[in-house]
Amino acid sequence: MIFLWFIGIILILSVLTGREIGTFLASLGALSAIIILVFRDTILGFVSSIQITVNDTVRIGDWITMKGSDADGTVS
């Protein structure tokens, strides 16, 4: 069902903009590549914070040491 919605939205946007579907998908791909390059660090930070939260890797009160940057301390 999600796939059908996606195809329908792509077709509607293609008709509204007056472009062929191939051209529209190529433009969409190029735009998403630019957005990923610009916001790469922000996206990686967001995804890693979700992974840490879901996996319960770090809890409040844990002692963390970062050997590469000589930083250590408790999680608050």
Protein backbone atom coordinates (compact mmCIF):
# COMPACT_ATOMS: atom_id res chain seq x y z
CA MET A 1 0.00 0.00 0.00
CA ILE A 2 2.85 2.38 0.85
CA PHE A 3 4.49 1.58 -2.48
CA LEU A 4 1.29 2.43 -4.34
CA TRP A 5 0.97 5.74 -2.47
CA PHE A 6 4.58 6.57 -3.32
CA ILE A 7 4.04 5.81 -7.02
CA GLY A 8 0.81 7.84 -7.03
CA ILE A 9 2.44 10.87 -5.42
CA ILE A 10 5.36 10.71 -7.88
CA LEU A 11 2.93 10.53 -10.82
CA ILE A 12 0.83 13.44 -9.52
CA LEU A 13 3.88 15.63 -8.92
CA SER A 14 5.24 14.74 -12.35
CA VAL A 15 1.98 15.78 -14.02
CA LEU A 16 1.71 18.98 -11.95
CA THR A 17 5.25 20.08 -12.81
CA GLY A 18 4.88 19.11 -16.47
CA ARG A 19 8.02 16.97 -16.53
CA GLU A 20 8.53 13.37 -17.56
CA ILE A 21 8.71 10.80 -14.77
CA GLY A 22 12.36 9.95 -15.51
CA THR A 23 13.40 13.59 -15.42
CA PHE A 24 11.41 14.15 -12.25
CA LEU A 25 13.01 11.15 -10.50
CA ALA A 26 16.50 12.22 -11.61
CA SER A 27 15.89 15.72 -10.23
CA LEU A 28 14.56 14.25 -7.00
CA GLY A 29 17.66 12.03 -6.69
CA ALA A 30 20.04 14.93 -7.31
CA LEU A 31 18.23 17.10 -4.78
CA SER A 32 18.34 14.38 -2.13
CA ALA A 33 22.08 13.86 -2.75
CA ILE A 34 22.75 17.56 -2.22
CA ILE A 35 20.66 17.62 0.96
CA ILE A 36 22.50 14.57 2.33
CA LEU A 37 25.89 16.16 1.59
CA VAL A 38 24.92 19.43 3.28
CA PHE A 39 23.27 17.91 6.35
CA ARG A 40 25.42 14.77 6.68
CA ASP A 41 26.73 15.45 10.19
CA THR A 42 23.31 16.51 11.47
CA ILE A 43 21.68 13.37 10.07
CA LEU A 44 24.42 11.13 11.51
CA GLY A 45 24.11 12.75 14.94
CA PHE A 46 20.34 12.34 14.91
CA VAL A 47 20.50 8.68 13.87
CA SER A 48 23.21 7.86 16.41
CA SER A 49 21.24 9.48 19.24
CA ILE A 50 18.21 7.38 18.30
CA GLN A 51 20.37 4.22 18.27
CA ILE A 52 21.85 5.03 21.69
CA THR A 53 18.38 5.63 23.11
CA VAL A 54 16.80 2.51 21.60
CA ASN A 55 19.68 0.17 22.51
CA ASP A 56 19.96 1.66 26.04
CA THR A 57 23.74 1.89 25.60
CA VAL A 58 24.31 4.79 27.98
CA ARG A 59 22.42 5.59 31.17
CA ILE A 60 22.44 8.59 33.48
CA GLY A 61 25.30 8.25 35.96
CA ASP A 62 27.56 6.14 33.68
CA TRP A 63 31.23 7.08 33.42
CA ILE A 64 32.36 7.68 29.83
CA THR A 65 35.93 8.04 28.58
CA MET A 66 36.80 9.29 25.08
CA LYS A 67 40.41 8.25 24.48
CA GLY A 68 40.75 10.10 21.17
CA SER A 69 39.92 13.52 22.65
CA ASP A 70 40.99 13.04 26.31
CA ALA A 71 37.46 13.71 27.54
CA ASP A 72 35.81 11.82 30.37
CA GLY A 73 32.99 12.30 32.84
CA THR A 74 29.60 11.15 34.00
CA VAL A 75 26.44 11.20 31.94
CA SER A 76 23.90 13.66 33.32
